[in-house]
Amino acid sequence: MRRGTLILLIFIILLAAGASFVNFWPNPDAQGKPWHGITNPFSVSQGVDLAGGLRLLLAPKQGQPKDQEMQNTLQIVQSRLSGGLGVKELNIRLLHTQNIPTISIEIPSYSGDEQKTIGDLLKTGKLEFWDAGPNGNVAPGTTFDPSQYTQYNPGGKALFNGRDLDPSQLGIAQAQSGGTGYVVNFAMQGPAVARFSTFTAQNIGHALTVTLDQQVVMSASINSQIPNVGQITGNFTYKQAQDFVNILKYGALPVALKLDSSNIISPTLGETAIQRSLLAGGIGIGIVILFMLFYYRLPGLLADIALILYACLTFAVFKLIGVTMSLAGITGFILSIGMAVDANVLIFERVKEEIRAGRLLASAIDMGWSRAWPSIRDSNCSTLITCAVLFAFGSNFGASIILGFASTLFLGVVVSMFTAIVVTRTLLNLLVPTGLINHPALLGIPARAMPATSLARRNSVA
């Protein structure tokens, strides 16, 4: 056996074990107890059509803003939801109610704090940094009165604001040097970098107070000069630090919004659609497995093993990255399973052609795969390009159902290429030294179709 084949086999076994844990290890029960002391944190998130969710209608607080301003506001709200709140495949679009533009939002599988979500969305996000003087820490949640600190803030104006922050430097880190909890990393950008460095050098011991819409978020003492990246410490929990970073990172709303209505929506399809989709997928996979087994014999069995591994790996990836499974997403997943078999069919047919031409199995596998690869590459790349176009269309026009189909199909095709290139070929190479696959009947090739030279070679090693 080739050394590379053994290494790949170990790698495949480890992947299969990891995917099995993600897919099949039970989640904690209703009391929150992990199974055998091991917690599986991954779960499937269902779309609005399958599990319902939360519907919000946001309207301008005053006036009638332009459509472009509302579009910009919509994009920021979408960023807050997708990134800050961890929501995927949400349905958000711009509507016009009595000539007033409004933003309609549907959040799938929502089970969080509704009031907090609404509050985070409606915050205009006017972030400001103030000097509260020496030992001037202000309690979080209180209203900041600039008139009390004019001696440290000339003209009663903030020294820095949200536009001075570098969004790419905002993040969370574990407290170091024996500290507990988490810290928030930040940095300024543009001309504010030099100004902030000078300010912190000259005001060590002063309290730098951060306000959001005039409400104090936190007040921290300046311990040293901050020439580049700084840290805000305070024994934050991860959630507290994440909430703060989210508001800073996703910016201010160009248009102030108010909640016009909110309601819980029921699934449009529900459990019946899930069961029927799973039944249809199971029947389809079963037919494909039987076809490969009867037509390609032993290689078909190997392809079936690779196909099952493909399904497990793909579904594990969906759970790991938090893909929201709508009916369209399930459709894309099932379609990608059928496409995963195409690569195996191309490889096996090429291998059979090489064997008919008189090559030994090991050589036939190498030549068959190398000749099938251009077709596999081109067909899958064209599908990936189509998925990218669909994803871009869905993102620009708010068609979330297209996003679900495109994303699951894209991921499925990528994983199917891996299983065809690595898994199926590795399993075939495992059989070469055993001699189990040397008989034409196990390859689905009639003995009369084998060249005499190939049969003679087979008989000499049998």
Protein backbone atom coordinates (compact mmCIF):
# COMPACT_ATOMS: atom_id res chain seq x y z
CA MET A 1 0.00 0.00 0.00
CA ARG A 2 1.25 3.46 -0.83
CA ARG A 3 2.22 5.60 2.17
CA GLY A 4 0.14 8.51 0.85
CA THR A 5 -2.92 6.26 0.60
CA LEU A 6 -2.58 5.24 4.27
CA ILE A 7 -2.27 8.87 5.37
CA LEU A 8 -5.35 9.84 3.38
CA LEU A 9 -7.27 6.89 4.85
CA ILE A 10 -6.48 8.05 8.39
CA PHE A 11 -7.52 11.58 7.43
CA ILE A 12 -10.82 10.33 5.99
CA ILE A 13 -11.54 8.27 9.13
CA LEU A 14 -10.92 11.31 11.34
CA LEU A 15 -13.20 13.43 9.15
CA ALA A 16 -15.92 10.79 9.32
CA ALA A 17 -15.61 10.64 13.11
CA GLY A 18 -15.84 14.42 13.42
CA ALA A 19 -18.84 14.61 11.09
CA SER A 20 -20.56 11.81 13.00
CA PHE A 21 -20.12 13.72 16.26
CA VAL A 22 -21.57 16.92 14.80
CA ASN A 23 -24.49 15.13 13.14
CA PHE A 24 -25.43 12.32 15.49
CA TRP A 25 -24.19 13.08 19.00
CA PRO A 26 -27.30 14.10 21.00
CA ASN A 27 -27.72 17.72 21.98
CA PRO A 28 -28.25 18.51 25.69
CA ASP A 29 -31.70 17.48 26.93
CA ALA A 30 -34.41 19.78 28.27
CA GLN A 31 -32.55 20.08 31.61
CA GLY A 32 -29.37 21.12 29.80
CA LYS A 33 -27.50 17.94 30.69
CA PRO A 34 -24.94 16.77 28.12
CA TRP A 35 -25.02 13.15 27.00
CA HIS A 36 -22.26 11.15 28.77
CA GLY A 37 -20.80 14.45 29.92
CA ILE A 38 -20.02 15.63 26.38
CA THR A 39 -21.97 18.50 24.87
CA ASN A 40 -22.72 18.81 21.16
CA PRO A 41 -23.19 22.57 20.63
CA PHE A 42 -24.26 22.29 17.00
CA SER A 43 -27.89 22.29 15.92
CA VAL A 44 -29.91 22.86 12.75
CA SER A 45 -31.53 26.25 12.25
CA GLN A 46 -34.73 26.15 10.20
CA GLY A 47 -36.03 28.87 7.91
CA VAL A 48 -39.21 30.93 8.20
CA ASP A 49 -41.05 28.56 5.86
CA LEU A 50 -40.34 25.57 8.12
CA ALA A 51 -40.20 26.98 11.65
CA GLY A 52 -41.74 30.45 11.53
CA GLY A 53 -40.04 33.39 13.19
CA LEU A 54 -40.35 37.05 14.08
CA ARG A 55 -41.66 39.73 11.72
CA LEU A 56 -40.82 43.41 12.29
CA LEU A 57 -41.90 46.52 10.41
CA LEU A 58 -39.64 49.54 10.93
CA ALA A 59 -40.68 53.03 9.84
CA PRO A 60 -38.87 56.43 9.84
CA LYS A 61 -39.33 58.38 13.06
CA GLN A 62 -40.08 61.56 11.20
CA GLY A 63 -40.28 63.02 7.71
CA GLN A 64 -40.15 61.11 4.47
CA PRO A 65 -36.56 60.10 3.73
CA LYS A 66 -35.33 59.35 0.23
CA ASP A 67 -35.24 55.79 -1.05
CA GLN A 68 -31.44 55.83 -1.20
CA GLU A 69 -31.24 56.81 2.47
CA MET A 70 -33.60 53.96 3.34
CA GLN A 71 -31.57 51.54 1.22
CA ASN A 72 -28.42 52.51 3.13
CA THR A 73 -30.32 52.09 6.40
CA LEU A 74 -31.57 48.70 5.25
CA GLN A 75 -28.03 47.51 4.54
CA ILE A 76 -26.84 48.53 8.01
CA VAL A 77 -29.84 46.84 9.66
CA GLN A 78 -29.07 43.71 7.63
CA SER A 79 -25.42 43.84 8.76
CA ARG A 80 -26.49 44.13 12.39
CA LEU A 81 -28.79 41.14 12.05
CA SER A 82 -26.52 38.89 9.99
CA GLY A 83 -23.32 39.67 11.85
CA GLY A 84 -24.24 41.02 15.23
CA LEU A 85 -27.24 38.85 16.05
CA GLY A 86 -26.01 35.75 14.25
CA VAL A 87 -29.08 35.48 12.02
CA LYS A 88 -28.76 33.78 8.65
CA GLU A 89 -31.05 33.83 5.62
CA LEU A 90 -33.28 36.58 6.97
CA ASN A 91 -35.87 38.14 4.71
CA ILE A 92 -35.47 41.92 4.68
CA ARG A 93 -36.88 44.27 2.07
CA LEU A 94 -37.95 47.86 1.50
CA LEU A 95 -41.70 48.49 1.26
CA HIS A 96 -43.83 51.57 0.66
CA THR A 97 -46.86 52.05 2.90
CA GLN A 98 -48.95 55.08 1.95
CA ASN A 99 -45.93 56.54 0.14
CA ILE A 100 -43.80 56.15 3.28
CA PRO A 101 -40.80 53.80 2.93
CA THR A 102 -40.65 51.09 5.59
CA ILE A 103 -38.34 48.15 6.25
CA SER A 104 -39.90 44.71 6.60
CA ILE A 105 -37.83 42.06 8.42
CA GLU A 106 -38.51 38.36 8.91
CA ILE A 107 -36.12 36.60 11.31
CA PRO A 108 -36.27 32.79 11.01
CA SER A 109 -36.36 30.38 13.97
CA TYR A 110 -36.26 33.28 16.41
CA SER A 111 -36.10 32.39 20.10
CA GLY A 112 -34.13 35.29 21.58
CA ASP A 113 -35.01 38.40 23.56
CA GLU A 114 -37.43 40.25 21.28
CA GLN A 115 -37.19 43.58 23.09
CA LYS A 116 -33.39 43.54 23.07
CA THR A 117 -33.30 42.68 19.37
CA ILE A 118 -35.64 45.53 18.54
CA GLY A 119 -33.65 47.89 20.75
CA ASP A 120 -30.36 46.99 19.04
CA LEU A 121 -31.89 47.54 15.62
CA LEU A 122 -33.36 50.94 16.45
CA LYS A 123 -30.21 52.41 17.98
CA THR A 124 -28.94 55.16 15.72
CA GLY A 125 -25.45 54.33 16.90
CA LYS A 126 -24.03 57.83 17.50
CA LEU A 127 -20.82 56.82 19.20
CA GLU A 128 -18.69 59.43 20.96
CA PHE A 129 -15.58 59.49 23.15
CA TRP A 130 -15.35 62.02 25.99
CA ASP A 131 -12.72 62.98 28.53
CA ALA A 132 -14.36 62.79 31.97
CA GLY A 133 -11.27 64.04 33.78
CA PRO A 134 -9.15 62.39 36.48
CA ASN A 135 -11.07 59.78 38.46
CA GLY A 136 -14.18 60.77 36.54
CA ASN A 137 -15.62 57.35 35.81
CA VAL A 138 -19.30 57.66 34.92
CA ALA A 139 -21.71 54.82 35.65
CA PRO A 140 -22.81 52.84 32.55
CA GLY A 141 -26.43 53.41 31.54
CA THR A 142 -26.58 56.98 32.79
CA THR A 143 -27.08 60.01 30.56
CA PHE A 144 -23.89 61.90 29.83
CA ASP A 145 -24.08 65.68 30.27
CA PRO A 146 -21.28 67.33 28.22
CA SER A 147 -21.78 70.67 30.00
CA GLN A 148 -20.28 69.19 33.17
CA TYR A 149 -17.03 68.31 31.43
CA THR A 150 -16.33 71.32 29.19
CA GLN A 151 -12.93 71.87 30.85
CA TYR A 152 -11.78 68.54 29.39
CA ASN A 153 -13.77 68.71 26.15
CA PRO A 154 -13.37 72.12 24.46
CA GLY A 155 -16.66 73.60 23.28
CA GLY A 156 -18.59 70.76 24.89
CA LYS A 157 -17.93 68.57 21.86
CA ALA A 158 -16.78 64.96 21.78
CA LEU A 159 -13.08 64.42 21.17
CA PHE A 160 -13.64 61.41 18.91
CA ASN A 161 -16.64 59.71 17.32
CA GLY A 162 -17.60 56.46 15.64
CA ARG A 163 -16.23 57.52 12.26
CA ASP A 164 -12.75 57.69 13.80
CA LEU A 165 -12.84 53.97 14.68
CA ASP A 166 -11.25 51.37 12.41
CA PRO A 167 -13.94 48.64 12.03
CA SER A 168 -11.36 46.03 10.98
CA GLN A 169 -9.60 46.36 14.37
CA LEU A 170 -12.71 45.87 16.50
CA GLY A 171 -12.73 42.49 18.20
CA ILE A 172 -12.87 40.45 21.39
CA ALA A 173 -10.00 38.79 23.22
CA GLN A 174 -9.49 36.83 26.42
CA ALA A 175 -8.13 38.91 29.28
CA GLN A 176 -4.40 38.35 29.79
CA SER A 177 -1.97 38.60 32.71
CA GLY A 178 -4.19 36.89 35.23
CA GLY A 179 -7.28 38.90 34.33
CA THR A 180 -10.74 37.43 34.07
CA GLY A 181 -13.40 37.79 31.45
CA TYR A 182 -12.93 39.42 28.05
CA VAL A 183 -11.57 42.67 26.65
CA VAL A 184 -12.55 44.73 23.62
CA ASN A 185 -9.81 45.60 21.14
CA PHE A 186 -10.11 48.81 19.12
CA ALA A 187 -8.05 51.23 17.06
CA MET A 188 -8.49 54.58 15.38
CA GLN A 189 -8.05 55.28 11.68
CA GLY A 190 -6.92 58.15 9.50
CA PRO A 191 -5.88 61.42 11.17
CA ALA A 192 -7.52 60.26 14.42
CA VAL A 193 -4.64 57.81 15.04
CA ALA A 194 -2.11 60.56 15.78
CA ARG A 195 -4.65 62.67 17.69
CA PHE A 196 -5.67 59.72 19.88
CA SER A 197 -2.04 58.82 20.57
CA THR A 198 -1.28 62.39 21.67
CA PHE A 199 -4.47 62.62 23.72
CA THR A 200 -3.84 59.40 25.66
CA ALA A 201 -0.19 60.35 26.29
CA GLN A 202 -1.21 63.70 27.79
CA ASN A 203 -4.16 62.46 29.84
CA ILE A 204 -2.99 59.32 31.63
CA GLY A 205 -5.23 58.78 34.66
CA HIS A 206 -8.22 60.49 33.06
CA ALA A 207 -11.45 58.58 32.39
CA LEU A 208 -12.24 58.00 28.72
CA THR A 209 -16.02 57.73 28.56
CA VAL A 210 -17.76 56.07 25.63
CA THR A 211 -21.36 57.09 24.94
CA LEU A 212 -23.91 55.77 22.49
CA ASP A 213 -26.75 58.17 21.78
CA GLN A 214 -25.68 60.17 24.88
CA GLN A 215 -26.01 57.05 27.06
CA VAL A 216 -22.83 55.94 28.82
CA VAL A 217 -21.69 52.56 27.54
CA MET A 218 -18.55 52.41 29.64
CA SER A 219 -16.00 54.64 31.30
CA ALA A 220 -12.41 53.42 31.57
CA SER A 221 -9.21 54.94 32.92
CA ILE A 222 -6.38 55.72 30.50
CA ASN A 223 -3.42 53.74 31.80
CA SER A 224 -0.87 54.47 29.08
CA GLN A 225 -0.37 56.04 25.68
CA ILE A 226 -2.24 54.20 22.90
CA PRO A 227 -0.31 54.71 19.65
CA ASN A 228 -2.17 52.00 17.71
CA VAL A 229 -4.40 49.20 19.05
CA GLY A 230 -5.99 49.72 22.46
CA GLN A 231 -8.00 47.57 24.85
CA ILE A 232 -11.07 48.31 26.91
CA THR A 233 -11.04 46.13 30.01
CA GLY A 234 -13.71 45.61 32.65
CA ASN A 235 -14.23 41.90 33.36
CA PHE A 236 -16.79 41.69 30.56
CA THR A 237 -18.58 38.46 29.85
CA TYR A 238 -18.30 37.29 26.26
CA LYS A 239 -21.87 38.36 25.54
CA GLN A 240 -21.32 41.85 27.01
CA ALA A 241 -18.19 42.32 24.93
CA GLN A 242 -19.90 40.99 21.79
CA ASP A 243 -22.92 43.29 22.24
CA PHE A 244 -20.61 46.30 22.54
CA VAL A 245 -18.54 45.35 19.49
CA ASN A 246 -21.66 44.74 17.40
CA ILE A 247 -23.02 48.24 17.96
CA LEU A 248 -19.63 49.82 17.22
CA LYS A 249 -18.93 47.69 14.16
CA TYR A 250 -22.19 48.07 12.29
CA GLY A 251 -22.33 51.82 12.38
CA ALA A 252 -24.94 54.52 12.67
CA LEU A 253 -28.29 54.49 10.92
CA PRO A 254 -28.68 57.26 8.32
CA VAL A 255 -32.41 57.36 9.16
CA ALA A 256 -33.76 57.12 12.72
CA LEU A 257 -36.31 54.30 12.89
CA LYS A 258 -39.25 53.39 15.08
CA LEU A 259 -41.05 50.09 15.50
CA ASP A 260 -44.29 50.15 13.55
CA SER A 261 -45.37 46.57 14.32
CA SER A 262 -44.01 43.21 15.44
CA ASN A 263 -45.56 39.77 15.48
CA ILE A 264 -44.66 36.10 15.59
CA ILE A 265 -45.25 34.37 12.26
CA SER A 266 -46.16 30.73 11.80
CA PRO A 267 -44.34 28.43 9.36
CA THR A 268 -45.79 28.41 5.86
CA LEU A 269 -44.86 24.76 5.31
CA GLY A 270 -43.94 23.18 8.62
CA GLU A 271 -43.15 19.67 9.78
CA THR A 272 -45.03 17.93 6.96
CA ALA A 273 -42.84 19.57 4.33
CA ILE A 274 -39.70 18.54 6.23
CA GLN A 275 -40.83 14.91 6.48
CA ARG A 276 -41.77 14.74 2.81
CA SER A 277 -38.51 16.37 1.76
CA LEU A 278 -36.51 13.91 3.85
CA LEU A 279 -38.54 11.02 2.42
CA ALA A 280 -37.95 12.23 -1.14
CA GLY A 281 -34.26 12.69 -0.42
CA GLY A 282 -34.00 9.23 1.15
CA ILE A 283 -35.72 7.60 -1.83
CA GLY A 284 -33.48 9.46 -4.27
CA ILE A 285 -30.30 8.53 -2.42
CA GLY A 286 -31.45 4.91 -2.16
CA ILE A 287 -32.06 4.67 -5.91
CA VAL A 288 -28.65 6.21 -6.65
CA ILE A 289 -26.92 3.79 -4.24
CA LEU A 290 -28.62 0.75 -5.80
CA PHE A 291 -27.81 1.92 -9.34
CA MET A 292 -24.13 2.41 -8.53
CA LEU A 293 -23.97 -0.96 -6.76
CA PHE A 294 -25.58 -3.02 -9.55
CA TYR A 295 -23.98 -1.25 -12.51
CA TYR A 296 -20.44 -0.68 -11.22
CA ARG A 297 -20.26 -3.59 -8.73
CA LEU A 298 -17.32 -3.21 -6.33
CA PRO A 299 -16.33 0.31 -7.44
CA GLY A 300 -20.00 1.20 -7.09
CA LEU A 301 -19.92 0.00 -3.49
CA LEU A 302 -16.93 2.24 -2.85
CA ALA A 303 -18.77 5.14 -4.49
CA ASP A 304 -21.77 4.48 -2.23
CA ILE A 305 -19.50 4.65 0.82
CA ALA A 306 -18.07 7.93 -0.48
CA LEU A 307 -21.59 9.23 -1.14
CA ILE A 308 -22.73 8.48 2.41
CA LEU A 309 -19.60 10.17 3.74
CA TYR A 310 -20.30 13.12 1.44
CA ALA A 311 -23.82 13.54 2.85
CA CYS A 312 -22.49 13.39 6.43
CA LEU A 313 -19.68 15.87 5.74
CA THR A 314 -21.94 18.34 3.96
CA PHE A 315 -24.59 18.30 6.66
CA ALA A 316 -21.88 18.71 9.31
CA VAL A 317 -20.56 21.78 7.47
CA PHE A 318 -24.11 23.21 7.41
CA LYS A 319 -24.35 22.81 11.19
CA LEU A 320 -20.84 24.11 11.87
CA ILE A 321 -21.29 27.38 9.98
CA GLY A 322 -24.94 27.80 10.98
CA VAL A 323 -26.67 27.50 7.61
CA THR A 324 -30.40 28.14 7.90
CA MET A 325 -32.21 25.22 6.29
CA SER A 326 -35.27 26.35 4.35
CA LEU A 327 -37.09 24.15 1.85
CA ALA A 328 -35.01 25.75 -0.92
CA GLY A 329 -31.84 24.94 1.03
CA ILE A 330 -32.89 21.32 1.45
CA THR A 331 -33.54 21.19 -2.30
CA GLY A 332 -30.04 22.47 -3.03
CA PHE A 333 -28.57 19.87 -0.68
CA ILE A 334 -30.46 16.98 -2.29
CA LEU A 335 -29.54 18.22 -5.78
CA SER A 336 -25.87 18.33 -4.83
CA ILE A 337 -26.06 14.67 -3.75
CA GLY A 338 -27.06 13.68 -7.28
CA MET A 339 -24.27 15.80 -8.69
CA ALA A 340 -21.77 14.14 -6.33
CA VAL A 341 -22.34 10.84 -8.16
CA ASP A 342 -21.52 12.37 -11.56
CA ALA A 343 -17.83 12.59 -10.73
CA ASN A 344 -17.72 8.94 -9.70
CA VAL A 345 -19.45 7.89 -12.92
CA LEU A 346 -16.88 9.78 -15.01
CA ILE A 347 -13.96 8.29 -13.07
CA PHE A 348 -15.27 4.72 -13.25
CA GLU A 349 -16.01 4.89 -16.97
CA ARG A 350 -12.53 6.22 -17.65
CA VAL A 351 -10.98 3.49 -15.48
CA LYS A 352 -12.94 0.82 -17.36
CA GLU A 353 -11.73 2.25 -20.67
CA GLU A 354 -8.12 2.08 -19.49
CA ILE A 355 -8.59 -1.54 -18.34
CA ARG A 356 -10.14 -2.47 -21.69
CA ALA A 357 -7.07 -0.92 -23.31
CA GLY A 358 -4.88 -3.42 -21.42
CA ARG A 359 -3.65 -1.43 -18.41
CA LEU A 360 -3.30 -2.94 -14.95
CA LEU A 361 -5.68 -1.67 -12.28
CA ALA A 362 -3.25 0.66 -10.46
CA SER A 363 -2.26 2.33 -13.71
CA ALA A 364 -5.87 2.39 -14.92
CA ILE A 365 -6.99 4.21 -11.76
CA ASP A 366 -4.30 6.87 -12.14
CA MET A 367 -4.89 7.39 -15.87
CA GLY A 368 -8.68 7.19 -15.57
CA TRP A 369 -8.78 9.79 -12.83
CA SER A 370 -6.38 12.16 -14.58
CA ARG A 371 -8.42 11.98 -17.79
CA ALA A 372 -11.76 12.38 -15.99
CA TRP A 373 -10.54 15.33 -13.91
CA PRO A 374 -10.89 18.06 -16.61
CA SER A 375 -14.56 17.13 -17.11
CA ILE A 376 -15.20 17.01 -13.37
CA ARG A 377 -13.44 20.36 -12.87
CA ASP A 378 -15.25 22.16 -15.67
CA SER A 379 -18.74 20.90 -14.81
CA ASN A 380 -18.38 21.71 -11.11
CA CYS A 381 -16.82 25.11 -11.76
CA SER A 382 -19.73 26.05 -14.02
CA THR A 383 -22.14 25.06 -11.25
CA LEU A 384 -20.17 27.10 -8.70
CA ILE A 385 -20.30 30.14 -10.99
CA THR A 386 -24.05 29.72 -11.33
CA CYS A 387 -24.36 29.53 -7.53
CA ALA A 388 -22.32 32.74 -7.19
CA VAL A 389 -24.60 34.53 -9.67
CA LEU A 390 -27.72 33.32 -7.85
CA PHE A 391 -26.26 34.37 -4.49
CA ALA A 392 -25.42 37.85 -5.81
CA PHE A 393 -28.91 38.18 -7.28
CA GLY A 394 -30.53 37.10 -4.02
CA SER A 395 -28.35 39.46 -1.97
CA ASN A 396 -29.05 42.50 -4.15
CA PHE A 397 -32.79 41.95 -4.51
CA GLY A 398 -33.60 40.53 -1.08
CA ALA A 399 -34.63 37.11 -2.39
CA SER A 400 -33.66 35.01 0.63
CA ILE A 401 -35.12 31.83 -0.87
CA ILE A 402 -32.52 32.06 -3.66
CA LEU A 403 -29.75 32.62 -1.11
CA GLY A 404 -30.62 29.38 0.68
CA PHE A 405 -30.62 27.34 -2.53
CA ALA A 406 -27.40 28.88 -3.85
CA SER A 407 -25.44 28.57 -0.60
CA THR A 408 -26.33 24.93 0.12
CA LEU A 409 -25.73 23.91 -3.49
CA PHE A 410 -22.37 25.73 -3.52
CA LEU A 411 -21.17 24.05 -0.34
CA GLY A 412 -22.47 20.69 -1.55
CA VAL A 413 -20.58 20.92 -4.83
CA VAL A 414 -17.33 21.87 -3.06
CA VAL A 415 -17.61 18.89 -0.70
CA SER A 416 -18.58 16.58 -3.59
CA MET A 417 -15.37 17.52 -5.41
CA PHE A 418 -13.41 16.60 -2.29
CA THR A 419 -15.09 13.20 -1.98
CA ALA A 420 -14.54 12.43 -5.68
CA ILE A 421 -10.91 13.58 -5.69
CA VAL A 422 -9.84 12.18 -2.33
CA VAL A 423 -12.28 9.66 -0.88
CA THR A 424 -13.26 7.56 -3.92
CA ARG A 425 -9.73 7.47 -5.30
CA THR A 426 -8.27 6.51 -1.90
CA LEU A 427 -10.76 3.66 -1.51
CA LEU A 428 -9.93 2.38 -5.00
CA ASN A 429 -6.21 2.49 -4.25
CA LEU A 430 -6.78 0.50 -1.07
CA LEU A 431 -8.05 -2.44 -3.13
CA VAL A 432 -5.13 -2.57 -5.56
CA PRO A 433 -2.73 -4.65 -3.40
CA THR A 434 -5.51 -6.99 -2.22
CA GLY A 435 -6.32 -8.40 -5.67
CA LEU A 436 -10.06 -8.32 -4.84
CA ILE A 437 -10.86 -6.07 -7.75
CA ASN A 438 -8.83 -7.85 -10.43
CA HIS A 439 -11.76 -9.94 -11.69
CA PRO A 440 -13.65 -8.30 -14.58
CA ALA A 441 -17.04 -9.21 -13.09
CA LEU A 442 -16.31 -7.10 -9.99
CA LEU A 443 -15.72 -4.12 -12.26
CA GLY A 444 -18.86 -4.69 -14.29
CA ILE A 445 -16.77 -5.52 -17.37
CA PRO A 446 -17.56 -8.68 -19.38
CA ALA A 447 -14.53 -10.99 -19.65
CA ARG A 448 -14.84 -10.99 -23.45
CA ALA A 449 -14.34 -7.21 -23.41
CA MET A 450 -10.96 -7.58 -21.72
CA PRO A 451 -7.88 -7.68 -23.96
CA ALA A 452 -5.93 -10.94 -23.83
CA THR A 453 -2.87 -9.15 -22.51
CA SER A 454 -4.81 -7.73 -19.56
CA LEU A 455 -6.30 -11.15 -18.71
CA ALA A 456 -2.85 -12.72 -18.86
CA ARG A 457 -1.51 -10.10 -16.46
CA ARG A 458 -4.45 -10.65 -14.14
CA ASN A 459 -3.89 -14.40 -14.14
CA SER A 460 -0.21 -13.96 -13.41
CA VAL A 461 -0.88 -12.00 -10.23
CA ALA A 462 -4.03 -13.82 -9.09
